[in-house]
Amino acid sequence: IDRGTKQQMAAVAAVLLLPILCVVSVLQRYLRP
Protein backbone atom coordinates (compact mmCIF):
# COMPACT_ATOMS: atom_id res chain seq x y z
CA ILE A 1 0.00 0.00 0.00
CA ASP A 2 2.81 2.37 0.93
CA ARG A 3 4.19 2.25 -2.63
CA GLY A 4 1.09 4.02 -3.95
CA THR A 5 0.22 7.67 -4.13
CA LYS A 6 -1.21 9.69 -1.28
CA GLN A 7 -4.70 9.38 -2.77
CA GLN A 8 -4.44 5.59 -2.85
CA MET A 9 -3.22 5.53 0.74
CA ALA A 10 -6.17 7.74 1.78
CA ALA A 11 -8.58 5.38 0.01
CA VAL A 12 -7.12 2.37 1.81
CA ALA A 13 -7.32 4.22 5.14
CA ALA A 14 -10.99 4.96 4.50
CA VAL A 15 -11.67 1.30 3.71
CA LEU A 16 -9.81 0.19 6.85
CA LEU A 17 -11.94 2.55 8.91
CA LEU A 18 -15.16 0.79 7.88
CA PRO A 19 -14.79 -2.25 10.22
CA ILE A 20 -14.15 0.08 13.16
CA LEU A 21 -17.29 2.06 12.40
CA CYS A 22 -19.33 -1.14 12.05
CA VAL A 23 -18.17 -2.56 15.39
CA VAL A 24 -18.75 0.73 17.20
CA SER A 25 -22.22 1.12 15.70
CA VAL A 26 -23.16 -2.41 16.79
CA LEU A 27 -21.81 -1.90 20.31
CA GLN A 28 -23.30 1.58 20.61
CA ARG A 29 -26.62 0.06 21.60
CA TYR A 30 -24.95 -1.42 24.70
CA LEU A 31 -22.92 1.69 25.56
CA ARG A 32 -25.90 3.81 26.48
CA PRO A 33 -26.59 4.09 30.20
PDB file of all heavy atoms in Angstrom:
ATOM      1  N   ILE A   1       0.832  -1.204   0.000  1.00  0.00           N
ATOM      2  CA  ILE A   1       0.000   0.000   0.000  1.00  0.00           C
ATOM      3  C   ILE A   1       0.862   1.248   0.000  1.00  0.00           C
ATOM      4  O   ILE A   1       0.557   2.237  -0.658  1.00  0.00           O
ATOM      5  CB  ILE A   1      -0.946  -0.002   1.212  1.00  0.00           C
ATOM      6  CG1 ILE A   1      -1.948  -1.132   1.087  1.00  0.00           C
ATOM      7  CG2 ILE A   1      -1.664   1.326   1.361  1.00  0.00           C
ATOM      8  CD1 ILE A   1      -2.719  -1.389   2.355  1.00  0.00           C
ATOM      9  N   ASP A   2       1.949   1.204   0.745  1.00  0.00           N
ATOM     10  CA  ASP A   2       2.809   2.370   0.925  1.00  0.00           C
ATOM     11  C   ASP A   2       3.493   2.800  -0.378  1.00  0.00           C
ATOM     12  O   ASP A   2       3.951   3.919  -0.498  1.00  0.00           O
ATOM     13  CB  ASP A   2       3.856   2.066   1.999  1.00  0.00           C
ATOM     14  CG  ASP A   2       4.525   3.319   2.511  1.00  0.00           C
ATOM     15  OD1 ASP A   2       3.854   4.360   2.603  1.00  0.00           O
ATOM     16  OD2 ASP A   2       5.730   3.254   2.821  1.00  0.00           O
ATOM     17  N   ARG A   3       3.556   1.910  -1.352  1.00  0.00           N
ATOM     18  CA  ARG A   3       4.192   2.250  -2.627  1.00  0.00           C
ATOM     19  C   ARG A   3       3.306   3.135  -3.497  1.00  0.00           C
ATOM     20  O   ARG A   3       3.756   3.695  -4.480  1.00  0.00           O
ATOM     21  CB  ARG A   3       4.528   0.972  -3.396  1.00  0.00           C
ATOM     22  CG  ARG A   3       5.605   0.170  -2.757  1.00  0.00           C
ATOM     23  CD  ARG A   3       5.998  -0.989  -3.630  1.00  0.00           C
ATOM     24  NE  ARG A   3       6.661  -1.979  -2.804  1.00  0.00           N
ATOM     25  CZ  ARG A   3       6.369  -3.251  -2.779  1.00  0.00           C
ATOM     26  NH1 ARG A   3       5.430  -3.733  -3.561  1.00  0.00           N
ATOM     27  NH2 ARG A   3       7.001  -4.075  -1.985  1.00  0.00           N
ATOM     28  N   GLY A   4       2.032   3.264  -3.141  1.00  0.00           N
ATOM     29  CA  GLY A   4       1.092   4.023  -3.949  1.00  0.00           C
ATOM     30  C   GLY A   4       1.178   5.512  -3.683  1.00  0.00           C
ATOM     31  O   GLY A   4       2.013   5.998  -2.929  1.00  0.00           O
ATOM     32  N   THR A   5       0.276   6.225  -4.305  1.00  0.00           N
ATOM     33  CA  THR A   5       0.224   7.675  -4.133  1.00  0.00           C
ATOM     34  C   THR A   5      -0.519   8.006  -2.834  1.00  0.00           C
ATOM     35  O   THR A   5      -1.091   7.136  -2.184  1.00  0.00           O
ATOM     36  CB  THR A   5      -0.519   8.323  -5.315  1.00  0.00           C
ATOM     37  OG1 THR A   5      -1.866   7.871  -5.303  1.00  0.00           O
ATOM     38  CG2 THR A   5       0.144   7.985  -6.635  1.00  0.00           C
ATOM     39  N   LYS A   6      -0.526   9.261  -2.502  1.00  0.00           N
ATOM     40  CA  LYS A   6      -1.214   9.691  -1.278  1.00  0.00           C
ATOM     41  C   LYS A   6      -2.723   9.462  -1.394  1.00  0.00           C
ATOM     42  O   LYS A   6      -3.372   9.129  -0.411  1.00  0.00           O
ATOM     43  CB  LYS A   6      -0.922  11.161  -1.008  1.00  0.00           C
ATOM     44  CG  LYS A   6       0.536  11.428  -0.779  1.00  0.00           C
ATOM     45  CD  LYS A   6       0.731  12.124   0.519  1.00  0.00           C
ATOM     46  CE  LYS A   6       2.190  12.498   0.643  1.00  0.00           C
ATOM     47  NZ  LYS A   6       2.803  11.859   1.759  1.00  0.00           N
ATOM     48  N   GLN A   7      -3.276   9.608  -2.580  1.00  0.00           N
ATOM     49  CA  GLN A   7      -4.704   9.377  -2.766  1.00  0.00           C
ATOM     50  C   GLN A   7      -5.045   7.904  -2.563  1.00  0.00           C
ATOM     51  O   GLN A   7      -6.073   7.576  -1.975  1.00  0.00           O
ATOM     52  CB  GLN A   7      -5.156   9.835  -4.160  1.00  0.00           C
ATOM     53  CG  GLN A   7      -5.143  11.327  -4.353  1.00  0.00           C
ATOM     54  CD  GLN A   7      -3.760  11.854  -4.733  1.00  0.00           C
ATOM     55  OE1 GLN A   7      -2.852  11.100  -5.009  1.00  0.00           O
ATOM     56  NE2 GLN A   7      -3.623  13.165  -4.730  1.00  0.00           N
ATOM     57  N   GLN A   8      -4.198   7.012  -3.046  1.00  0.00           N
ATOM     58  CA  GLN A   8      -4.441   5.591  -2.854  1.00  0.00           C
ATOM     59  C   GLN A   8      -4.334   5.213  -1.374  1.00  0.00           C
ATOM     60  O   GLN A   8      -5.119   4.402  -0.872  1.00  0.00           O
ATOM     61  CB  GLN A   8      -3.445   4.767  -3.665  1.00  0.00           C
ATOM     62  CG  GLN A   8      -3.674   4.851  -5.150  1.00  0.00           C
ATOM     63  CD  GLN A   8      -2.551   4.215  -5.947  1.00  0.00           C
ATOM     64  OE1 GLN A   8      -1.430   4.076  -5.458  1.00  0.00           O
ATOM     65  NE2 GLN A   8      -2.858   3.839  -7.174  1.00  0.00           N
ATOM     66  N   MET A   9      -3.376   5.806  -0.678  1.00  0.00           N
ATOM     67  CA  MET A   9      -3.225   5.526   0.745  1.00  0.00           C
ATOM     68  C   MET A   9      -4.430   6.047   1.519  1.00  0.00           C
ATOM     69  O   MET A   9      -4.897   5.416   2.470  1.00  0.00           O
ATOM     70  CB  MET A   9      -1.925   6.124   1.277  1.00  0.00           C
ATOM     71  CG  MET A   9      -0.711   5.392   0.756  1.00  0.00           C
ATOM     72  SD  MET A   9       0.905   6.098   1.120  1.00  0.00           S
ATOM     73  CE  MET A   9       0.772   6.790   2.693  1.00  0.00           C
ATOM     74  N   ALA A  10      -4.978   7.199   1.134  1.00  0.00           N
ATOM     75  CA  ALA A  10      -6.169   7.743   1.780  1.00  0.00           C
ATOM     76  C   ALA A  10      -7.379   6.842   1.519  1.00  0.00           C
ATOM     77  O   ALA A  10      -8.210   6.643   2.416  1.00  0.00           O
ATOM     78  CB  ALA A  10      -6.435   9.155   1.299  1.00  0.00           C
ATOM     79  N   ALA A  11      -7.473   6.292   0.328  1.00  0.00           N
ATOM     80  CA  ALA A  11      -8.577   5.383   0.015  1.00  0.00           C
ATOM     81  C   ALA A  11      -8.489   4.104   0.850  1.00  0.00           C
ATOM     82  O   ALA A  11      -9.499   3.624   1.373  1.00  0.00           O
ATOM     83  CB  ALA A  11      -8.569   5.045  -1.474  1.00  0.00           C
ATOM     84  N   VAL A  12      -7.303   3.573   0.998  1.00  0.00           N
ATOM     85  CA  VAL A  12      -7.119   2.371   1.815  1.00  0.00           C
ATOM     86  C   VAL A  12      -7.430   2.679   3.279  1.00  0.00           C
ATOM     87  O   VAL A  12      -8.055   1.875   3.974  1.00  0.00           O
ATOM     88  CB  VAL A  12      -5.687   1.820   1.645  1.00  0.00           C
ATOM     89  CG1 VAL A  12      -5.394   0.739   2.667  1.00  0.00           C
ATOM     90  CG2 VAL A  12      -5.510   1.274   0.244  1.00  0.00           C
ATOM     91  N   ALA A  13      -7.027   3.840   3.761  1.00  0.00           N
ATOM     92  CA  ALA A  13      -7.320   4.223   5.142  1.00  0.00           C
ATOM     93  C   ALA A  13      -8.819   4.333   5.366  1.00  0.00           C
ATOM     94  O   ALA A  13      -9.335   3.933   6.416  1.00  0.00           O
ATOM     95  CB  ALA A  13      -6.627   5.535   5.480  1.00  0.00           C
ATOM     96  N   ALA A  14      -9.533   4.858   4.385  1.00  0.00           N
ATOM     97  CA  ALA A  14     -10.990   4.963   4.504  1.00  0.00           C
ATOM     98  C   ALA A  14     -11.634   3.579   4.532  1.00  0.00           C
ATOM     99  O   ALA A  14     -12.571   3.338   5.294  1.00  0.00           O
ATOM    100  CB  ALA A  14     -11.546   5.786   3.354  1.00  0.00           C
ATOM    101  N   VAL A  15     -11.127   2.662   3.722  1.00  0.00           N
ATOM    102  CA  VAL A  15     -11.667   1.298   3.713  1.00  0.00           C
ATOM    103  C   VAL A  15     -11.350   0.594   5.029  1.00  0.00           C
ATOM    104  O   VAL A  15     -12.180  -0.141   5.575  1.00  0.00           O
ATOM    105  CB  VAL A  15     -11.119   0.514   2.502  1.00  0.00           C
ATOM    106  CG1 VAL A  15     -11.441  -0.962   2.611  1.00  0.00           C
ATOM    107  CG2 VAL A  15     -11.670   1.094   1.217  1.00  0.00           C
ATOM    108  N   LEU A  16     -10.168   0.815   5.588  1.00  0.00           N
ATOM    109  CA  LEU A  16      -9.808   0.185   6.855  1.00  0.00           C
ATOM    110  C   LEU A  16     -10.572   0.777   8.030  1.00  0.00           C
ATOM    111  O   LEU A  16     -10.652   0.160   9.094  1.00  0.00           O
ATOM    112  CB  LEU A  16      -8.301   0.318   7.094  1.00  0.00           C
ATOM    113  CG  LEU A  16      -7.419  -0.500   6.157  1.00  0.00           C
ATOM    114  CD1 LEU A  16      -5.955  -0.237   6.444  1.00  0.00           C
ATOM    115  CD2 LEU A  16      -7.723  -1.972   6.282  1.00  0.00           C
ATOM    116  N   LEU A  17     -11.144   1.930   7.855  1.00  0.00           N
ATOM    117  CA  LEU A  17     -11.942   2.554   8.908  1.00  0.00           C
ATOM    118  C   LEU A  17     -13.338   1.946   8.988  1.00  0.00           C
ATOM    119  O   LEU A  17     -13.978   1.993  10.046  1.00  0.00           O
ATOM    120  CB  LEU A  17     -12.039   4.055   8.648  1.00  0.00           C
ATOM    121  CG  LEU A  17     -12.736   4.902   9.672  1.00  0.00           C
ATOM    122  CD1 LEU A  17     -11.952   4.889  10.973  1.00  0.00           C
ATOM    123  CD2 LEU A  17     -12.870   6.313   9.170  1.00  0.00           C
ATOM    124  N   LEU A  18     -13.805   1.343   7.918  1.00  0.00           N
ATOM    125  CA  LEU A  18     -15.159   0.787   7.883  1.00  0.00           C
ATOM    126  C   LEU A  18     -15.412  -0.284   8.945  1.00  0.00           C
ATOM    127  O   LEU A  18     -16.458  -0.243   9.604  1.00  0.00           O
ATOM    128  CB  LEU A  18     -15.475   0.260   6.491  1.00  0.00           C
ATOM    129  CG  LEU A  18     -15.649   1.331   5.418  1.00  0.00           C
ATOM    130  CD1 LEU A  18     -15.876   0.688   4.061  1.00  0.00           C
ATOM    131  CD2 LEU A  18     -16.782   2.258   5.768  1.00  0.00           C
ATOM    132  N   PRO A  19     -14.518  -1.270   9.160  1.00  0.00           N
ATOM    133  CA  PRO A  19     -14.793  -2.253  10.218  1.00  0.00           C
ATOM    134  C   PRO A  19     -14.893  -1.619  11.604  1.00  0.00           C
ATOM    135  O   PRO A  19     -15.713  -2.043  12.421  1.00  0.00           O
ATOM    136  CB  PRO A  19     -13.604  -3.213  10.150  1.00  0.00           C
ATOM    137  CG  PRO A  19     -13.036  -3.038   8.812  1.00  0.00           C
ATOM    138  CD  PRO A  19     -13.330  -1.634   8.405  1.00  0.00           C
ATOM    139  N   ILE A  20     -14.095  -0.594  11.861  1.00  0.00           N
ATOM    140  CA  ILE A  20     -14.154   0.080  13.155  1.00  0.00           C
ATOM    141  C   ILE A  20     -15.516   0.734  13.334  1.00  0.00           C
ATOM    142  O   ILE A  20     -16.142   0.612  14.394  1.00  0.00           O
ATOM    143  CB  ILE A  20     -13.022   1.114  13.271  1.00  0.00           C
ATOM    144  CG1 ILE A  20     -11.673   0.409  13.246  1.00  0.00           C
ATOM    145  CG2 ILE A  20     -13.162   1.944  14.537  1.00  0.00           C
ATOM    146  CD1 ILE A  20     -10.504   1.342  13.147  1.00  0.00           C
ATOM    147  N   LEU A  21     -15.990   1.410  12.313  1.00  0.00           N
ATOM    148  CA  LEU A  21     -17.291   2.057  12.400  1.00  0.00           C
ATOM    149  C   LEU A  21     -18.420   1.042  12.572  1.00  0.00           C
ATOM    150  O   LEU A  21     -19.383   1.284  13.307  1.00  0.00           O
ATOM    151  CB  LEU A  21     -17.538   2.920  11.169  1.00  0.00           C
ATOM    152  CG  LEU A  21     -16.621   4.133  11.011  1.00  0.00           C
ATOM    153  CD1 LEU A  21     -16.905   4.844   9.701  1.00  0.00           C
ATOM    154  CD2 LEU A  21     -16.778   5.074  12.177  1.00  0.00           C
ATOM    155  N   CYS A  22     -18.304  -0.100  11.920  1.00  0.00           N
ATOM    156  CA  CYS A  22     -19.332  -1.142  12.048  1.00  0.00           C
ATOM    157  C   CYS A  22     -19.370  -1.696  13.468  1.00  0.00           C
ATOM    158  O   CYS A  22     -20.450  -1.849  14.052  1.00  0.00           O
ATOM    159  CB  CYS A  22     -19.074  -2.268  11.051  1.00  0.00           C
ATOM    160  SG  CYS A  22     -19.347  -1.791   9.348  1.00  0.00           S
ATOM    161  N   VAL A  23     -18.223  -2.005  14.034  1.00  0.00           N
ATOM    162  CA  VAL A  23     -18.172  -2.558  15.390  1.00  0.00           C
ATOM    163  C   VAL A  23     -18.696  -1.545  16.402  1.00  0.00           C
ATOM    164  O   VAL A  23     -19.474  -1.881  17.298  1.00  0.00           O
ATOM    165  CB  VAL A  23     -16.738  -3.016  15.741  1.00  0.00           C
ATOM    166  CG1 VAL A  23     -16.607  -3.320  17.216  1.00  0.00           C
ATOM    167  CG2 VAL A  23     -16.362  -4.229  14.919  1.00  0.00           C
ATOM    168  N   VAL A  24     -18.282  -0.299  16.274  1.00  0.00           N
ATOM    169  CA  VAL A  24     -18.750   0.729  17.202  1.00  0.00           C
ATOM    170  C   VAL A  24     -20.250   0.942  17.070  1.00  0.00           C
ATOM    171  O   VAL A  24     -20.951   1.102  18.071  1.00  0.00           O
ATOM    172  CB  VAL A  24     -17.973   2.042  16.988  1.00  0.00           C
ATOM    173  CG1 VAL A  24     -18.597   3.177  17.753  1.00  0.00           C
ATOM    174  CG2 VAL A  24     -16.522   1.863  17.402  1.00  0.00           C
ATOM    175  N   SER A  25     -20.773   0.916  15.863  1.00  0.00           N
ATOM    176  CA  SER A  25     -22.218   1.117  15.697  1.00  0.00           C
ATOM    177  C   SER A  25     -23.011  -0.050  16.280  1.00  0.00           C
ATOM    178  O   SER A  25     -24.099   0.155  16.823  1.00  0.00           O
ATOM    179  CB  SER A  25     -22.563   1.337  14.233  1.00  0.00           C
ATOM    180  OG  SER A  25     -22.324   0.164  13.492  1.00  0.00           O
ATOM    181  N   VAL A  26     -22.479  -1.261  16.195  1.00  0.00           N
ATOM    182  CA  VAL A  26     -23.160  -2.414  16.786  1.00  0.00           C
ATOM    183  C   VAL A  26     -23.113  -2.327  18.310  1.00  0.00           C
ATOM    184  O   VAL A  26     -24.106  -2.570  18.992  1.00  0.00           O
ATOM    185  CB  VAL A  26     -22.528  -3.735  16.293  1.00  0.00           C
ATOM    186  CG1 VAL A  26     -23.002  -4.910  17.115  1.00  0.00           C
ATOM    187  CG2 VAL A  26     -22.860  -3.952  14.830  1.00  0.00           C
ATOM    188  N   LEU A  27     -21.959  -1.967  18.861  1.00  0.00           N
ATOM    189  CA  LEU A  27     -21.813  -1.902  20.310  1.00  0.00           C
ATOM    190  C   LEU A  27     -22.413  -0.635  20.911  1.00  0.00           C
ATOM    191  O   LEU A  27     -22.574  -0.552  22.126  1.00  0.00           O
ATOM    192  CB  LEU A  27     -20.339  -2.007  20.699  1.00  0.00           C
ATOM    193  CG  LEU A  27     -19.702  -3.375  20.493  1.00  0.00           C
ATOM    194  CD1 LEU A  27     -18.233  -3.333  20.852  1.00  0.00           C
ATOM    195  CD2 LEU A  27     -20.414  -4.439  21.304  1.00  0.00           C
ATOM    196  N   GLN A  28     -22.756   0.329  20.107  1.00  0.00           N
ATOM    197  CA  GLN A  28     -23.299   1.582  20.611  1.00  0.00           C
ATOM    198  C   GLN A  28     -24.621   1.362  21.352  1.00  0.00           C
ATOM    199  O   GLN A  28     -24.922   2.053  22.324  1.00  0.00           O
ATOM    200  CB  GLN A  28     -23.504   2.569  19.470  1.00  0.00           C
ATOM    201  CG  GLN A  28     -23.953   3.935  19.921  1.00  0.00           C
ATOM    202  CD  GLN A  28     -24.079   4.887  18.750  1.00  0.00           C
ATOM    203  OE1 GLN A  28     -24.014   4.470  17.591  1.00  0.00           O
ATOM    204  NE2 GLN A  28     -24.248   6.148  19.032  1.00  0.00           N
ATOM    205  N   ARG A  29     -25.360   0.375  20.941  1.00  0.00           N
ATOM    206  CA  ARG A  29     -26.623   0.061  21.601  1.00  0.00           C
ATOM    207  C   ARG A  29     -26.394  -0.321  23.068  1.00  0.00           C
ATOM    208  O   ARG A  29     -27.200  -0.027  23.923  1.00  0.00           O
ATOM    209  CB  ARG A  29     -27.285  -1.078  20.852  1.00  0.00           C
ATOM    210  CG  ARG A  29     -28.456  -1.691  21.539  1.00  0.00           C
ATOM    211  CD  ARG A  29     -29.127  -2.715  20.690  1.00  0.00           C
ATOM    212  NE  ARG A  29     -28.156  -3.562  19.994  1.00  0.00           N
ATOM    213  CZ  ARG A  29     -28.426  -4.770  19.553  1.00  0.00           C
ATOM    214  NH1 ARG A  29     -29.620  -5.283  19.730  1.00  0.00           N
ATOM    215  NH2 ARG A  29     -27.530  -5.487  18.925  1.00  0.00           N
ATOM    216  N   TYR A  30     -25.246  -0.973  23.345  1.00  0.00           N
ATOM    217  CA  TYR A  30     -24.954  -1.417  24.699  1.00  0.00           C
ATOM    218  C   TYR A  30     -24.200  -0.356  25.513  1.00  0.00           C
ATOM    219  O   TYR A  30     -24.061  -0.506  26.715  1.00  0.00           O
ATOM    220  CB  TYR A  30     -24.123  -2.695  24.664  1.00  0.00           C
ATOM    221  CG  TYR A  30     -24.836  -3.817  23.957  1.00  0.00           C
ATOM    222  CD1 TYR A  30     -24.444  -4.231  22.691  1.00  0.00           C
ATOM    223  CD2 TYR A  30     -25.926  -4.448  24.543  1.00  0.00           C
ATOM    224  CE1 TYR A  30     -25.106  -5.258  22.039  1.00  0.00           C
ATOM    225  CE2 TYR A  30     -26.594  -5.464  23.891  1.00  0.00           C
ATOM    226  CZ  TYR A  30     -26.174  -5.862  22.647  1.00  0.00           C
ATOM    227  OH  TYR A  30     -26.836  -6.869  22.009  1.00  0.00           O
ATOM    228  N   LEU A  31     -23.711   0.671  24.863  1.00  0.00           N
ATOM    229  CA  LEU A  31     -22.918   1.690  25.558  1.00  0.00           C
ATOM    230  C   LEU A  31     -23.779   2.750  26.219  1.00  0.00           C
ATOM    231  O   LEU A  31     -23.291   3.520  27.029  1.00  0.00           O
ATOM    232  CB  LEU A  31     -21.946   2.354  24.585  1.00  0.00           C
ATOM    233  CG  LEU A  31     -20.871   1.453  24.013  1.00  0.00           C
ATOM    234  CD1 LEU A  31     -20.038   2.221  23.000  1.00  0.00           C
ATOM    235  CD2 LEU A  31     -19.988   0.911  25.103  1.00  0.00           C
ATOM    236  N   ARG A  32     -25.031   2.813  25.893  1.00  0.00           N
ATOM    237  CA  ARG A  32     -25.902   3.815  26.482  1.00  0.00           C
ATOM    238  C   ARG A  32     -26.230   3.436  27.916  1.00  0.00           C
ATOM    239  O   ARG A  32     -26.419   2.262  28.223  1.00  0.00           O
ATOM    240  CB  ARG A  32     -27.177   3.937  25.671  1.00  0.00           C
ATOM    241  CG  ARG A  32     -26.840   4.413  24.276  1.00  0.00           C
ATOM    242  CD  ARG A  32     -28.040   4.772  23.509  1.00  0.00           C
ATOM    243  NE  ARG A  32     -27.571   5.196  22.194  1.00  0.00           N
ATOM    244  CZ  ARG A  32     -28.296   5.189  21.124  1.00  0.00           C
ATOM    245  NH1 ARG A  32     -29.535   4.784  21.178  1.00  0.00           N
ATOM    246  NH2 ARG A  32     -27.809   5.569  19.978  1.00  0.00           N
ATOM    247  N   PRO A  33     -26.294   4.412  28.799  1.00  0.00           N
ATOM    248  CA  PRO A  33     -26.591   4.090  30.203  1.00  0.00           C
ATOM    249  C   PRO A  33     -28.004   3.553  30.384  1.00  0.00           C
ATOM    250  O   PRO A  33     -28.926   3.950  29.672  1.00  0.00           O
ATOM    251  CB  PRO A  33     -26.419   5.426  30.921  1.00  0.00           C
ATOM    252  CG  PRO A  33     -26.518   6.464  29.871  1.00  0.00           C
ATOM    253  CD  PRO A  33     -26.086   5.832  28.583  1.00  0.00           C
TER     254      PRO A  33
END
